[in-house]
N, C-alpha and C. Protein backbone atom coordinates (compact mmCIF):
# COMPACT_ATOMS: atom_id res chain seq x y z
N MET A 1 -14.68 -18.01 4.24
CA MET A 1 -13.53 -17.68 5.07
C MET A 1 -13.86 -17.84 6.54
N SER A 2 -14.44 -18.95 6.88
CA SER A 2 -14.81 -19.21 8.27
C SER A 2 -13.59 -19.23 9.16
N GLY A 3 -13.69 -18.57 10.30
CA GLY A 3 -12.58 -18.54 11.24
C GLY A 3 -11.51 -17.52 10.90
N ARG A 4 -11.67 -16.79 9.78
CA ARG A 4 -10.67 -15.80 9.39
C ARG A 4 -10.93 -14.48 10.12
N ALA A 5 -9.85 -13.74 10.37
CA ALA A 5 -9.96 -12.52 11.18
C ALA A 5 -10.81 -11.45 10.50
N LEU A 6 -10.63 -11.24 9.22
CA LEU A 6 -11.37 -10.20 8.53
C LEU A 6 -11.23 -10.38 7.03
N GLY A 7 -12.21 -9.86 6.32
CA GLY A 7 -12.17 -9.91 4.87
C GLY A 7 -11.56 -8.65 4.31
N ARG A 8 -11.78 -8.43 3.01
CA ARG A 8 -11.19 -7.28 2.32
C ARG A 8 -11.67 -5.96 2.92
N LYS A 9 -12.97 -5.84 3.18
CA LYS A 9 -13.51 -4.61 3.78
C LYS A 9 -12.96 -4.40 5.19
N GLY A 10 -12.84 -5.50 5.93
CA GLY A 10 -12.31 -5.41 7.29
C GLY A 10 -10.89 -4.89 7.31
N VAL A 11 -10.05 -5.43 6.43
CA VAL A 11 -8.66 -4.95 6.38
C VAL A 11 -8.64 -3.51 5.88
N GLY A 12 -9.58 -3.15 5.03
CA GLY A 12 -9.67 -1.76 4.58
C GLY A 12 -9.93 -0.81 5.74
N TRP A 13 -10.87 -1.20 6.62
CA TRP A 13 -11.17 -0.36 7.79
C TRP A 13 -9.98 -0.28 8.74
N VAL A 14 -9.31 -1.41 8.98
CA VAL A 14 -8.15 -1.40 9.88
C VAL A 14 -7.06 -0.50 9.30
N LEU A 15 -6.77 -0.66 8.01
CA LEU A 15 -5.75 0.18 7.38
C LEU A 15 -6.17 1.65 7.37
N GLY A 16 -7.47 1.90 7.23
CA GLY A 16 -7.95 3.28 7.26
C GLY A 16 -7.73 3.94 8.61
N VAL A 17 -8.07 3.24 9.67
CA VAL A 17 -7.88 3.78 11.02
C VAL A 17 -6.39 3.95 11.33
N CYS A 18 -5.60 2.92 11.01
CA CYS A 18 -4.16 2.99 11.27
C CYS A 18 -3.51 4.08 10.43
N GLY A 19 -3.89 4.15 9.15
CA GLY A 19 -3.31 5.17 8.28
C GLY A 19 -3.65 6.58 8.73
N THR A 20 -4.90 6.79 9.15
CA THR A 20 -5.31 8.12 9.63
C THR A 20 -4.56 8.50 10.90
N ALA A 21 -4.55 7.61 11.88
CA ALA A 21 -3.85 7.91 13.14
C ALA A 21 -2.36 8.12 12.91
N GLY A 22 -1.76 7.27 12.10
CA GLY A 22 -0.33 7.40 11.83
C GLY A 22 0.00 8.67 11.07
N LEU A 23 -0.86 9.03 10.12
CA LEU A 23 -0.63 10.25 9.35
C LEU A 23 -0.75 11.49 10.22
N ILE A 24 -1.74 11.52 11.10
CA ILE A 24 -1.91 12.66 12.01
C ILE A 24 -0.71 12.77 12.95
N ALA A 25 -0.30 11.64 13.55
CA ALA A 25 0.85 11.65 14.46
C ALA A 25 2.12 12.10 13.73
N SER A 26 2.32 11.59 12.52
CA SER A 26 3.50 11.97 11.74
C SER A 26 3.48 13.44 11.36
N LEU A 27 2.30 13.95 11.04
CA LEU A 27 2.17 15.36 10.70
C LEU A 27 2.50 16.26 11.90
N VAL A 28 1.97 15.91 13.06
CA VAL A 28 2.26 16.68 14.27
C VAL A 28 3.76 16.63 14.57
N LEU A 29 4.36 15.44 14.47
CA LEU A 29 5.80 15.30 14.72
C LEU A 29 6.62 16.13 13.72
N THR A 30 6.19 16.14 12.47
CA THR A 30 6.90 16.92 11.45
C THR A 30 6.83 18.41 11.76
N ILE A 31 5.66 18.89 12.11
CA ILE A 31 5.48 20.30 12.44
C ILE A 31 6.33 20.66 13.66
N GLU A 32 6.28 19.82 14.68
CA GLU A 32 7.07 20.07 15.90
C GLU A 32 8.58 20.03 15.61
N LYS A 33 8.99 19.08 14.77
CA LYS A 33 10.42 18.96 14.43
C LYS A 33 10.90 20.21 13.69
N PHE A 34 10.11 20.70 12.73
CA PHE A 34 10.49 21.91 12.02
C PHE A 34 10.53 23.12 12.96
N ALA A 35 9.63 23.15 13.94
CA ALA A 35 9.64 24.24 14.92
C ALA A 35 10.92 24.19 15.76
N VAL A 36 11.35 22.98 16.13
CA VAL A 36 12.59 22.83 16.89
C VAL A 36 13.79 23.24 16.04
N LEU A 37 13.77 22.86 14.76
CA LEU A 37 14.88 23.23 13.87
C LEU A 37 14.94 24.75 13.67
N ALA A 38 13.79 25.39 13.61
CA ALA A 38 13.75 26.84 13.42
C ALA A 38 14.14 27.60 14.68
N ASP A 39 13.80 27.05 15.84
CA ASP A 39 14.07 27.72 17.11
C ASP A 39 14.49 26.67 18.14
N PRO A 40 15.80 26.52 18.37
CA PRO A 40 16.29 25.51 19.32
C PRO A 40 15.73 25.64 20.74
N THR A 41 15.18 26.82 21.08
CA THR A 41 14.60 26.98 22.41
C THR A 41 13.13 26.58 22.45
N TYR A 42 12.55 26.24 21.30
CA TYR A 42 11.13 25.83 21.24
C TYR A 42 10.92 24.54 22.03
N ARG A 43 9.85 24.55 22.82
CA ARG A 43 9.51 23.36 23.59
C ARG A 43 8.30 22.68 22.95
N PRO A 44 8.47 21.47 22.42
CA PRO A 44 7.36 20.77 21.77
C PRO A 44 6.18 20.55 22.73
N SER A 45 4.99 20.52 22.16
CA SER A 45 3.77 20.37 22.96
C SER A 45 3.74 19.07 23.75
N CYS A 46 4.48 18.08 23.29
CA CYS A 46 4.47 16.78 23.97
C CYS A 46 5.65 16.61 24.92
N SER A 47 6.34 17.68 25.25
CA SER A 47 7.38 17.64 26.28
C SER A 47 6.73 18.07 27.59
N ILE A 48 6.38 17.08 28.40
CA ILE A 48 5.59 17.32 29.61
C ILE A 48 6.42 17.20 30.88
N ASN A 49 7.29 16.20 30.93
CA ASN A 49 8.12 15.95 32.10
C ASN A 49 9.40 15.26 31.65
N PRO A 50 10.27 14.85 32.58
CA PRO A 50 11.53 14.23 32.16
C PRO A 50 11.36 12.95 31.34
N VAL A 51 10.27 12.23 31.52
CA VAL A 51 10.05 10.98 30.78
C VAL A 51 9.30 11.24 29.47
N ILE A 52 8.19 11.95 29.54
CA ILE A 52 7.43 12.27 28.33
C ILE A 52 8.00 13.56 27.78
N SER A 53 9.02 13.39 26.92
CA SER A 53 9.80 14.53 26.45
C SER A 53 10.15 14.37 24.98
N CYS A 54 9.27 14.82 24.11
CA CYS A 54 9.50 14.73 22.66
C CYS A 54 10.74 15.51 22.25
N GLY A 55 11.01 16.62 22.94
CA GLY A 55 12.17 17.44 22.60
C GLY A 55 13.46 16.66 22.70
N SER A 56 13.58 15.82 23.74
CA SER A 56 14.79 15.01 23.90
C SER A 56 14.97 14.06 22.73
N ILE A 57 13.87 13.53 22.25
CA ILE A 57 13.93 12.59 21.13
C ILE A 57 14.20 13.33 19.83
N MET A 58 13.52 14.46 19.62
CA MET A 58 13.65 15.20 18.36
C MET A 58 15.05 15.74 18.12
N THR A 59 15.79 16.01 19.19
CA THR A 59 17.14 16.56 19.04
C THR A 59 18.21 15.48 19.03
N SER A 60 17.82 14.20 19.07
CA SER A 60 18.78 13.10 19.05
C SER A 60 19.14 12.74 17.60
N TRP A 61 20.29 12.07 17.44
CA TRP A 61 20.68 11.65 16.09
C TRP A 61 19.73 10.59 15.56
N GLN A 62 19.09 9.84 16.46
CA GLN A 62 18.16 8.79 16.03
C GLN A 62 16.95 9.37 15.31
N ALA A 63 16.63 10.63 15.58
CA ALA A 63 15.45 11.28 14.99
C ALA A 63 15.65 11.62 13.52
N GLU A 64 16.89 11.51 13.05
CA GLU A 64 17.20 11.78 11.65
C GLU A 64 18.13 10.70 11.12
N LEU A 65 17.75 9.47 11.28
CA LEU A 65 18.61 8.34 10.94
C LEU A 65 19.08 8.35 9.49
N PHE A 66 18.22 8.77 8.58
CA PHE A 66 18.57 8.74 7.16
C PHE A 66 18.95 10.12 6.61
N GLY A 67 19.22 11.05 7.52
CA GLY A 67 19.64 12.38 7.09
C GLY A 67 18.52 13.40 6.98
N PHE A 68 17.30 12.98 7.28
CA PHE A 68 16.15 13.88 7.29
C PHE A 68 15.24 13.42 8.43
N PRO A 69 14.32 14.27 8.90
CA PRO A 69 13.47 13.90 10.03
C PRO A 69 12.66 12.63 9.76
N ASN A 70 12.72 11.70 10.70
CA ASN A 70 12.00 10.43 10.57
C ASN A 70 10.50 10.59 10.29
N PRO A 71 9.82 11.59 10.85
CA PRO A 71 8.38 11.71 10.59
C PRO A 71 8.03 11.85 9.11
N LEU A 72 8.99 12.30 8.29
CA LEU A 72 8.72 12.39 6.86
C LEU A 72 8.47 11.00 6.27
N LEU A 73 9.14 9.99 6.82
CA LEU A 73 8.88 8.61 6.40
C LEU A 73 7.44 8.23 6.75
N GLY A 74 7.00 8.66 7.92
CA GLY A 74 5.64 8.38 8.35
C GLY A 74 4.61 9.05 7.45
N LEU A 75 4.88 10.30 7.05
CA LEU A 75 3.97 11.00 6.16
C LEU A 75 3.79 10.23 4.85
N MET A 76 4.90 9.75 4.30
CA MET A 76 4.84 9.01 3.04
C MET A 76 4.20 7.64 3.23
N GLY A 77 4.67 6.92 4.24
CA GLY A 77 4.19 5.56 4.46
C GLY A 77 2.72 5.49 4.83
N PHE A 78 2.29 6.34 5.74
CA PHE A 78 0.88 6.30 6.15
C PHE A 78 -0.04 6.84 5.07
N ALA A 79 0.48 7.71 4.20
CA ALA A 79 -0.33 8.15 3.05
C ALA A 79 -0.63 6.96 2.14
N VAL A 80 0.36 6.08 1.96
CA VAL A 80 0.15 4.87 1.16
C VAL A 80 -0.87 3.95 1.83
N VAL A 81 -0.72 3.77 3.14
CA VAL A 81 -1.65 2.90 3.89
C VAL A 81 -3.07 3.45 3.80
N LEU A 82 -3.23 4.76 3.98
CA LEU A 82 -4.56 5.38 3.93
C LEU A 82 -5.15 5.32 2.52
N THR A 83 -4.33 5.53 1.52
CA THR A 83 -4.80 5.44 0.13
C THR A 83 -5.24 4.01 -0.19
N THR A 84 -4.47 3.03 0.28
CA THR A 84 -4.84 1.63 0.09
C THR A 84 -6.20 1.36 0.72
N ALA A 85 -6.40 1.86 1.93
CA ALA A 85 -7.68 1.67 2.62
C ALA A 85 -8.82 2.27 1.81
N ALA A 86 -8.62 3.48 1.30
CA ALA A 86 -9.68 4.14 0.53
C ALA A 86 -10.03 3.36 -0.72
N VAL A 87 -9.01 2.86 -1.40
CA VAL A 87 -9.23 2.09 -2.63
C VAL A 87 -9.96 0.79 -2.33
N VAL A 88 -9.54 0.11 -1.27
CA VAL A 88 -10.18 -1.16 -0.89
C VAL A 88 -11.63 -0.92 -0.46
N LEU A 89 -11.86 0.09 0.34
CA LEU A 89 -13.22 0.38 0.81
C LEU A 89 -14.13 0.87 -0.33
N ALA A 90 -13.53 1.41 -1.38
CA ALA A 90 -14.31 1.83 -2.54
C ALA A 90 -14.71 0.63 -3.41
N GLY A 91 -14.16 -0.54 -3.07
CA GLY A 91 -14.55 -1.75 -3.78
C GLY A 91 -13.55 -2.28 -4.78
N ALA A 92 -12.41 -1.63 -4.92
CA ALA A 92 -11.39 -2.10 -5.86
C ALA A 92 -10.70 -3.34 -5.33
N SER A 93 -10.29 -4.19 -6.24
CA SER A 93 -9.54 -5.39 -5.89
C SER A 93 -8.09 -5.17 -6.32
N LEU A 94 -7.20 -5.10 -5.37
CA LEU A 94 -5.79 -4.85 -5.66
C LEU A 94 -5.07 -6.15 -5.97
N PRO A 95 -4.11 -6.12 -6.89
CA PRO A 95 -3.40 -7.35 -7.24
C PRO A 95 -2.49 -7.85 -6.11
N ARG A 96 -2.15 -9.10 -6.20
CA ARG A 96 -1.33 -9.73 -5.16
C ARG A 96 0.01 -9.02 -4.99
N TRP A 97 0.63 -8.60 -6.11
CA TRP A 97 1.93 -7.94 -6.01
C TRP A 97 1.83 -6.67 -5.18
N TYR A 98 0.69 -5.98 -5.27
CA TYR A 98 0.53 -4.75 -4.49
C TYR A 98 0.48 -5.07 -3.00
N TRP A 99 -0.33 -6.08 -2.64
CA TRP A 99 -0.43 -6.47 -1.23
C TRP A 99 0.92 -6.94 -0.71
N ASN A 100 1.65 -7.69 -1.52
CA ASN A 100 2.98 -8.15 -1.10
C ASN A 100 3.92 -6.96 -0.90
N GLY A 101 3.83 -5.96 -1.79
CA GLY A 101 4.65 -4.76 -1.63
C GLY A 101 4.28 -3.97 -0.38
N LEU A 102 2.98 -3.86 -0.13
CA LEU A 102 2.52 -3.16 1.08
C LEU A 102 3.02 -3.89 2.32
N PHE A 103 2.91 -5.20 2.32
CA PHE A 103 3.36 -5.99 3.47
C PHE A 103 4.87 -5.86 3.67
N THR A 104 5.62 -5.83 2.58
CA THR A 104 7.08 -5.66 2.68
C THR A 104 7.41 -4.30 3.30
N GLY A 105 6.72 -3.26 2.83
CA GLY A 105 6.93 -1.92 3.40
C GLY A 105 6.56 -1.86 4.87
N LEU A 106 5.43 -2.49 5.22
CA LEU A 106 5.02 -2.51 6.63
C LEU A 106 6.00 -3.32 7.48
N SER A 107 6.55 -4.38 6.92
CA SER A 107 7.54 -5.18 7.66
C SER A 107 8.78 -4.35 7.97
N ALA A 108 9.25 -3.58 6.97
CA ALA A 108 10.39 -2.69 7.20
C ALA A 108 10.04 -1.64 8.25
N ALA A 109 8.81 -1.13 8.19
CA ALA A 109 8.37 -0.12 9.17
C ALA A 109 8.31 -0.71 10.57
N VAL A 110 7.85 -1.95 10.69
CA VAL A 110 7.79 -2.61 12.01
C VAL A 110 9.20 -2.76 12.58
N ALA A 111 10.14 -3.18 11.75
CA ALA A 111 11.52 -3.32 12.22
C ALA A 111 12.05 -1.95 12.68
N PHE A 112 11.76 -0.92 11.90
CA PHE A 112 12.25 0.43 12.22
C PHE A 112 11.63 0.95 13.51
N VAL A 113 10.32 0.77 13.70
CA VAL A 113 9.70 1.30 14.93
C VAL A 113 10.18 0.53 16.16
N HIS A 114 10.51 -0.75 16.01
CA HIS A 114 11.06 -1.47 17.16
C HIS A 114 12.46 -0.96 17.50
N TRP A 115 13.25 -0.64 16.48
CA TRP A 115 14.56 -0.05 16.73
C TRP A 115 14.39 1.31 17.42
N LEU A 116 13.44 2.11 16.91
CA LEU A 116 13.19 3.42 17.52
C LEU A 116 12.70 3.28 18.96
N ALA A 117 11.84 2.30 19.21
CA ALA A 117 11.34 2.08 20.58
C ALA A 117 12.50 1.73 21.51
N PHE A 118 13.39 0.86 21.06
CA PHE A 118 14.56 0.50 21.88
C PHE A 118 15.41 1.74 22.14
N GLN A 119 15.67 2.52 21.10
CA GLN A 119 16.48 3.73 21.27
C GLN A 119 15.81 4.70 22.24
N SER A 120 14.51 4.86 22.11
CA SER A 120 13.76 5.76 22.97
C SER A 120 13.84 5.34 24.43
N LEU A 121 13.63 4.04 24.67
CA LEU A 121 13.59 3.54 26.04
C LEU A 121 14.97 3.45 26.69
N TYR A 122 15.97 2.95 25.94
CA TYR A 122 17.24 2.58 26.57
C TYR A 122 18.45 3.40 26.16
N ARG A 123 18.31 4.26 25.17
CA ARG A 123 19.44 5.11 24.79
C ARG A 123 19.13 6.59 25.02
N ILE A 124 17.98 7.04 24.57
CA ILE A 124 17.61 8.46 24.73
C ILE A 124 17.02 8.69 26.13
N GLY A 125 16.25 7.72 26.60
CA GLY A 125 15.66 7.83 27.93
C GLY A 125 14.47 8.76 28.00
N ALA A 126 13.65 8.75 26.96
CA ALA A 126 12.46 9.60 26.94
C ALA A 126 11.40 8.94 26.06
N LEU A 127 10.15 9.35 26.28
CA LEU A 127 9.03 8.85 25.49
C LEU A 127 8.35 9.99 24.75
N CYS A 128 7.84 9.66 23.57
CA CYS A 128 7.09 10.62 22.78
C CYS A 128 5.72 9.99 22.50
N PRO A 129 4.65 10.58 23.02
CA PRO A 129 3.32 9.99 22.81
C PRO A 129 2.95 9.82 21.34
N TYR A 130 3.31 10.78 20.51
CA TYR A 130 3.00 10.66 19.08
C TYR A 130 3.79 9.51 18.45
N CYS A 131 5.03 9.35 18.87
CA CYS A 131 5.84 8.23 18.37
C CYS A 131 5.20 6.90 18.78
N MET A 132 4.70 6.85 20.00
CA MET A 132 4.09 5.61 20.48
C MET A 132 2.82 5.26 19.71
N VAL A 133 2.09 6.29 19.27
CA VAL A 133 0.93 6.05 18.41
C VAL A 133 1.41 5.43 17.09
N VAL A 134 2.50 5.96 16.55
CA VAL A 134 3.06 5.42 15.31
C VAL A 134 3.50 3.98 15.51
N TRP A 135 4.15 3.68 16.64
CA TRP A 135 4.54 2.29 16.91
C TRP A 135 3.32 1.38 16.84
N LEU A 136 2.27 1.78 17.56
CA LEU A 136 1.08 0.93 17.67
C LEU A 136 0.40 0.71 16.32
N VAL A 137 0.13 1.78 15.60
CA VAL A 137 -0.62 1.61 14.35
C VAL A 137 0.21 0.91 13.28
N THR A 138 1.53 1.05 13.34
CA THR A 138 2.38 0.32 12.40
C THR A 138 2.27 -1.17 12.64
N VAL A 139 2.35 -1.57 13.90
CA VAL A 139 2.25 -3.00 14.24
C VAL A 139 0.86 -3.54 13.89
N LEU A 140 -0.18 -2.77 14.19
CA LEU A 140 -1.54 -3.23 13.86
C LEU A 140 -1.74 -3.37 12.35
N ALA A 141 -1.30 -2.39 11.58
CA ALA A 141 -1.44 -2.47 10.12
C ALA A 141 -0.68 -3.67 9.58
N TRP A 142 0.53 -3.89 10.08
CA TRP A 142 1.34 -5.03 9.65
C TRP A 142 0.64 -6.35 9.97
N TRP A 143 0.15 -6.49 11.19
CA TRP A 143 -0.46 -7.74 11.64
C TRP A 143 -1.71 -8.09 10.83
N TYR A 144 -2.58 -7.11 10.66
CA TYR A 144 -3.82 -7.40 9.93
C TYR A 144 -3.58 -7.54 8.43
N CYS A 145 -2.56 -6.90 7.90
CA CYS A 145 -2.18 -7.13 6.51
C CYS A 145 -1.66 -8.56 6.35
N LEU A 146 -0.87 -9.02 7.30
CA LEU A 146 -0.37 -10.41 7.27
C LEU A 146 -1.53 -11.40 7.32
N LEU A 147 -2.47 -11.20 8.22
CA LEU A 147 -3.61 -12.10 8.32
C LEU A 147 -4.44 -12.09 7.04
N TYR A 148 -4.61 -10.91 6.47
CA TYR A 148 -5.38 -10.82 5.23
C TYR A 148 -4.67 -11.55 4.09
N LEU A 149 -3.36 -11.34 3.96
CA LEU A 149 -2.60 -12.02 2.91
C LEU A 149 -2.69 -13.53 3.05
N GLU A 150 -2.56 -14.01 4.27
CA GLU A 150 -2.65 -15.45 4.49
C GLU A 150 -4.03 -15.96 4.13
N ALA A 151 -5.05 -15.20 4.46
CA ALA A 151 -6.43 -15.63 4.21
C ALA A 151 -6.74 -15.71 2.72
N VAL A 152 -6.26 -14.76 1.94
CA VAL A 152 -6.61 -14.75 0.52
C VAL A 152 -5.67 -15.59 -0.34
N HIS A 153 -4.51 -15.94 0.19
CA HIS A 153 -3.55 -16.69 -0.62
C HIS A 153 -3.35 -18.12 -0.17
N THR A 154 -4.12 -18.56 0.82
CA THR A 154 -4.02 -19.93 1.30
C THR A 154 -5.39 -20.58 1.21
N THR A 155 -5.46 -21.69 0.50
CA THR A 155 -6.76 -22.36 0.36
C THR A 155 -7.08 -23.22 1.58
N ARG A 156 -6.06 -23.82 2.16
CA ARG A 156 -6.28 -24.66 3.34
C ARG A 156 -5.34 -24.22 4.45
N PRO A 157 -5.78 -23.28 5.29
CA PRO A 157 -4.89 -22.79 6.35
C PRO A 157 -4.59 -23.87 7.39
N SER A 158 -3.41 -23.80 7.95
CA SER A 158 -3.02 -24.75 8.99
C SER A 158 -3.80 -24.44 10.27
N ARG A 159 -3.71 -25.35 11.21
CA ARG A 159 -4.39 -25.13 12.49
C ARG A 159 -3.85 -23.89 13.20
N THR A 160 -2.55 -23.67 13.06
CA THR A 160 -1.94 -22.49 13.68
C THR A 160 -2.56 -21.22 13.12
N TRP A 161 -2.69 -21.14 11.79
CA TRP A 161 -3.29 -19.95 11.18
C TRP A 161 -4.75 -19.81 11.56
N GLN A 162 -5.48 -20.93 11.62
CA GLN A 162 -6.88 -20.87 12.04
C GLN A 162 -6.98 -20.29 13.44
N LEU A 163 -6.07 -20.74 14.32
CA LEU A 163 -6.06 -20.25 15.70
C LEU A 163 -5.71 -18.76 15.73
N LEU A 164 -4.73 -18.33 14.92
CA LEU A 164 -4.35 -16.91 14.88
C LEU A 164 -5.49 -16.04 14.36
N HIS A 165 -6.22 -16.54 13.38
CA HIS A 165 -7.37 -15.78 12.87
C HIS A 165 -8.48 -15.70 13.91
N ARG A 166 -8.73 -16.81 14.56
CA ARG A 166 -9.82 -16.85 15.55
C ARG A 166 -9.53 -15.92 16.72
N HIS A 167 -8.27 -15.86 17.11
CA HIS A 167 -7.87 -15.03 18.26
C HIS A 167 -6.93 -13.91 17.78
N HIS A 168 -7.36 -13.22 16.73
CA HIS A 168 -6.51 -12.22 16.07
C HIS A 168 -6.09 -11.07 16.96
N SER A 169 -6.84 -10.76 17.99
CA SER A 169 -6.50 -9.61 18.84
C SER A 169 -5.50 -9.96 19.93
N VAL A 170 -5.19 -11.23 20.09
CA VAL A 170 -4.29 -11.64 21.17
C VAL A 170 -2.87 -11.11 20.94
N LEU A 171 -2.33 -11.29 19.75
CA LEU A 171 -0.96 -10.86 19.50
C LEU A 171 -0.79 -9.35 19.68
N PRO A 172 -1.67 -8.51 19.11
CA PRO A 172 -1.52 -7.07 19.37
C PRO A 172 -1.64 -6.72 20.85
N THR A 173 -2.52 -7.41 21.56
CA THR A 173 -2.69 -7.14 22.99
C THR A 173 -1.42 -7.50 23.76
N VAL A 174 -0.83 -8.65 23.44
CA VAL A 174 0.42 -9.07 24.08
C VAL A 174 1.53 -8.08 23.77
N TRP A 175 1.56 -7.60 22.52
CA TRP A 175 2.58 -6.63 22.13
C TRP A 175 2.43 -5.35 22.95
N VAL A 176 1.21 -4.84 23.09
CA VAL A 176 0.97 -3.61 23.87
C VAL A 176 1.40 -3.82 25.32
N LEU A 177 1.04 -4.96 25.89
CA LEU A 177 1.41 -5.24 27.28
C LEU A 177 2.92 -5.36 27.44
N ALA A 178 3.60 -5.95 26.44
CA ALA A 178 5.06 -6.06 26.50
C ALA A 178 5.71 -4.68 26.43
N VAL A 179 5.23 -3.83 25.54
CA VAL A 179 5.78 -2.47 25.44
C VAL A 179 5.54 -1.72 26.75
N LEU A 180 4.35 -1.86 27.31
CA LEU A 180 4.03 -1.22 28.59
C LEU A 180 4.98 -1.71 29.69
N ALA A 181 5.26 -3.01 29.70
CA ALA A 181 6.19 -3.56 30.70
C ALA A 181 7.59 -2.98 30.52
N PHE A 182 8.04 -2.84 29.26
CA PHE A 182 9.35 -2.24 29.01
C PHE A 182 9.38 -0.77 29.43
N VAL A 183 8.29 -0.06 29.21
CA VAL A 183 8.21 1.35 29.62
C VAL A 183 8.29 1.45 31.15
N ILE A 184 7.55 0.59 31.84
CA ILE A 184 7.59 0.61 33.31
C ILE A 184 8.99 0.29 33.81
N GLU A 185 9.59 -0.74 33.22
CA GLU A 185 10.93 -1.17 33.65
C GLU A 185 11.99 -0.10 33.36
N ALA A 186 11.95 0.47 32.15
CA ALA A 186 12.98 1.43 31.74
C ALA A 186 12.95 2.71 32.59
N PHE A 187 11.75 3.11 33.00
CA PHE A 187 11.62 4.37 33.75
C PHE A 187 11.19 4.14 35.19
N TRP A 188 11.45 2.97 35.73
CA TRP A 188 11.00 2.64 37.08
C TRP A 188 11.48 3.64 38.13
N PRO A 189 12.74 4.11 38.09
CA PRO A 189 13.15 5.10 39.09
C PRO A 189 12.27 6.37 39.06
N TYR A 190 11.86 6.79 37.86
CA TYR A 190 11.00 7.97 37.77
C TYR A 190 9.60 7.67 38.28
N TRP A 191 9.04 6.52 37.90
CA TRP A 191 7.69 6.17 38.35
C TRP A 191 7.64 6.09 39.87
N GLN A 192 8.72 5.60 40.49
CA GLN A 192 8.75 5.50 41.96
C GLN A 192 8.61 6.86 42.64
N THR A 193 9.12 7.90 42.00
CA THR A 193 9.03 9.24 42.59
C THR A 193 7.60 9.76 42.59
N LEU A 194 6.75 9.17 41.75
CA LEU A 194 5.35 9.61 41.66
C LEU A 194 4.46 8.91 42.65
N ILE A 195 4.96 7.85 43.25
CA ILE A 195 4.15 7.05 44.19
C ILE A 195 4.17 7.68 45.57
């Protein structure tokens, strides 16, 4: 697999780190959300200023898109990602249908976190650090799962895929920089007050 981003163990480690970080962030968000539901005057630990304000996000309709708190999806989804990592790192070989199912779930999660990011930046007008961790690890898990699937299911990768494997960290880096640019742009009036 010359020129490939990572092998089975490598994707196991990436999924393990992403699953752990996502699960912790989702757990904290779930605990904070239940605290807000129990006491509307409760101020979440991540409500720091007008921009970094988890409370604003937690009390929005977007925080319960499917009729229950969104972090519950994270608890379930990241548990699957973390379990997959543990199984892979233990040396098990998972069937193709499983990897395809995992990738499909991660693809849906990537679409959802981008919708949530847009809502956070341009509709709610607040940021949640734990949510941003979820955005990041979801995108990373999706990207490296995609690269792994391509590597194991393609005998002769195209030049484009070879280039993507060789420079596998470029796309996540560009994504982080793009999100940072949107954060700066969306809250520019607030950032100016800090200068």
